[in-house]
Amino acid sequence: MTENTVIRNCTFAFKCEAKWEQLEILDFDNIRFCNGCQKEVYFCYDDHELISNIHLNRCVAFERESVIEMGYFNPEKVK
């Protein structure tokens, strides 16, 4: 993966309506806990982190156009 890699045409299998700022803070800056779904949510700072966490079946959060999106992607559909 290069610095110019852009993830396109991916759709959430589940899009979370929770807000990153409202999730329970854990010991790591990039991981928070969602009390609604009882899962850890991993903040992804770049496309490499996003793809890696998707392949690990993790709920993810990432910033797009100054908005933090959160949810779950189907790892089989992300290459």
C-alpha atoms as a PDB file:
ATOM      1  CA  MET A   1       0.000   0.000   0.000  1.00  0.00           C
ATOM      2  CA  THR A   2       1.293   3.450  -0.859  1.00  0.00           C
ATOM      3  CA  GLU A   3       0.685   6.865   0.638  1.00  0.00           C
ATOM      4  CA  ASN A   4      -1.657   7.616  -2.271  1.00  0.00           C
ATOM      5  CA  THR A   5      -3.922   4.630  -1.665  1.00  0.00           C
ATOM      6  CA  VAL A   6      -7.571   5.611  -1.385  1.00  0.00           C
ATOM      7  CA  ILE A   7     -10.319   3.258  -0.292  1.00  0.00           C
ATOM      8  CA  ARG A   8     -13.382   3.665  -2.488  1.00  0.00           C
ATOM      9  CA  ASN A   9     -16.757   2.044  -3.023  1.00  0.00           C
ATOM     10  CA  CYS A  10     -16.813   0.373   0.384  1.00  0.00           C
ATOM     11  CA  THR A  11     -20.093   0.250   2.208  1.00  0.00           C
ATOM     12  CA  PHE A  12     -20.698  -0.407   5.852  1.00  0.00           C
ATOM     13  CA  ALA A  13     -22.158  -3.792   6.770  1.00  0.00           C
ATOM     14  CA  PHE A  14     -23.282  -1.909   9.881  1.00  0.00           C
ATOM     15  CA  LYS A  15     -22.987   1.841  10.379  1.00  0.00           C
ATOM     16  CA  CYS A  16     -22.940   2.936  13.985  1.00  0.00           C
ATOM     17  CA  GLU A  17     -24.819   6.044  15.064  1.00  0.00           C
ATOM     18  CA  ALA A  18     -22.752   6.440  18.253  1.00  0.00           C
ATOM     19  CA  LYS A  19     -20.269   9.288  18.515  1.00  0.00           C
ATOM     20  CA  TRP A  20     -16.540   8.620  19.008  1.00  0.00           C
ATOM     21  CA  GLU A  21     -16.384  11.359  21.648  1.00  0.00           C
ATOM     22  CA  GLN A  22     -19.044   9.582  23.717  1.00  0.00           C
ATOM     23  CA  LEU A  23     -17.398   6.142  23.733  1.00  0.00           C
ATOM     24  CA  GLU A  24     -15.684   4.890  26.877  1.00  0.00           C
ATOM     25  CA  ILE A  25     -11.988   5.801  26.875  1.00  0.00           C
ATOM     26  CA  LEU A  26      -9.591   2.865  27.270  1.00  0.00           C
ATOM     27  CA  ASP A  27      -5.824   2.672  27.881  1.00  0.00           C
ATOM     28  CA  PHE A  28      -4.967   3.277  24.211  1.00  0.00           C
ATOM     29  CA  ASP A  29      -5.657   6.548  22.359  1.00  0.00           C
ATOM     30  CA  ASN A  30      -6.994   4.790  19.265  1.00  0.00           C
ATOM     31  CA  ILE A  31      -9.309   2.256  20.964  1.00  0.00           C
ATOM     32  CA  ARG A  32     -12.573   3.008  22.741  1.00  0.00           C
ATOM     33  CA  PHE A  33     -15.403   0.840  24.027  1.00  0.00           C
ATOM     34  CA  CYS A  34     -18.998   1.051  22.809  1.00  0.00           C
ATOM     35  CA  ASN A  35     -21.456   0.203  25.571  1.00  0.00           C
ATOM     36  CA  GLY A  36     -24.247  -0.092  22.994  1.00  0.00           C
ATOM     37  CA  CYS A  37     -22.777  -3.022  21.064  1.00  0.00           C
ATOM     38  CA  GLN A  38     -20.282  -4.114  23.737  1.00  0.00           C
ATOM     39  CA  LYS A  39     -17.322  -3.964  21.332  1.00  0.00           C
ATOM     40  CA  GLU A  40     -14.027  -2.161  21.073  1.00  0.00           C
ATOM     41  CA  VAL A  41     -13.863   0.439  18.301  1.00  0.00           C
ATOM     42  CA  TYR A  42     -10.509   1.106  16.625  1.00  0.00           C
ATOM     43  CA  PHE A  43      -9.773   4.596  15.294  1.00  0.00           C
ATOM     44  CA  CYS A  44      -7.900   4.378  11.993  1.00  0.00           C
ATOM     45  CA  TYR A  45      -5.587   7.243  11.108  1.00  0.00           C
ATOM     46  CA  ASP A  46      -4.833   6.062   7.581  1.00  0.00           C
ATOM     47  CA  ASP A  47      -5.960   3.594   4.911  1.00  0.00           C
ATOM     48  CA  HIS A  48      -3.435   0.963   5.999  1.00  0.00           C
ATOM     49  CA  GLU A  49      -4.817   0.895   9.554  1.00  0.00           C
ATOM     50  CA  LEU A  50      -8.376   0.852   8.203  1.00  0.00           C
ATOM     51  CA  ILE A  51      -7.757  -2.143   5.928  1.00  0.00           C
ATOM     52  CA  SER A  52      -5.842  -4.026   8.645  1.00  0.00           C
ATOM     53  CA  ASN A  53      -8.626  -3.547  11.198  1.00  0.00           C
ATOM     54  CA  ILE A  54     -11.327  -4.477   8.697  1.00  0.00           C
ATOM     55  CA  HIS A  55      -9.531  -7.736   7.948  1.00  0.00           C
ATOM     56  CA  LEU A  56      -9.413  -8.421  11.696  1.00  0.00           C
ATOM     57  CA  ASN A  57     -13.239  -8.025  11.839  1.00  0.00           C
ATOM     58  CA  ARG A  58     -13.027  -5.000  14.101  1.00  0.00           C
ATOM     59  CA  CYS A  59     -15.417  -2.111  14.429  1.00  0.00           C
ATOM     60  CA  VAL A  60     -13.640   0.939  13.113  1.00  0.00           C
ATOM     61  CA  ALA A  61     -13.800   4.703  13.280  1.00  0.00           C
ATOM     62  CA  PHE A  62     -12.134   7.040  10.808  1.00  0.00           C
ATOM     63  CA  GLU A  63     -12.323  10.675   9.852  1.00  0.00           C
ATOM     64  CA  ARG A  64     -13.743  11.591   6.451  1.00  0.00           C
ATOM     65  CA  GLU A  65     -14.374  15.206   5.464  1.00  0.00           C
ATOM     66  CA  SER A  66     -14.104  16.377   9.105  1.00  0.00           C
ATOM     67  CA  VAL A  67     -16.721  13.833  10.272  1.00  0.00           C
ATOM     68  CA  ILE A  68     -15.854  10.692  12.228  1.00  0.00           C
ATOM     69  CA  GLU A  69     -17.579   7.661  10.704  1.00  0.00           C
ATOM     70  CA  MET A  70     -17.958   4.455  12.722  1.00  0.00           C
ATOM     71  CA  GLY A  71     -19.118   0.965  11.910  1.00  0.00           C
ATOM     72  CA  TYR A  72     -18.265  -2.464  10.645  1.00  0.00           C
ATOM     73  CA  PHE A  73     -17.274  -3.512   7.123  1.00  0.00           C
ATOM     74  CA  ASN A  74     -17.551  -6.958   5.604  1.00  0.00           C
ATOM     75  CA  PRO A  75     -13.862  -8.031   5.379  1.00  0.00           C
ATOM     76  CA  GLU A  76     -14.495 -10.303   2.378  1.00  0.00           C
ATOM     77  CA  LYS A  77     -15.524  -7.291   0.305  1.00  0.00           C
ATOM     78  CA  VAL A  78     -12.464  -5.167   1.142  1.00  0.00           C
ATOM     79  CA  LYS A  79      -9.257  -5.909  -0.709  1.00  0.00           C
END
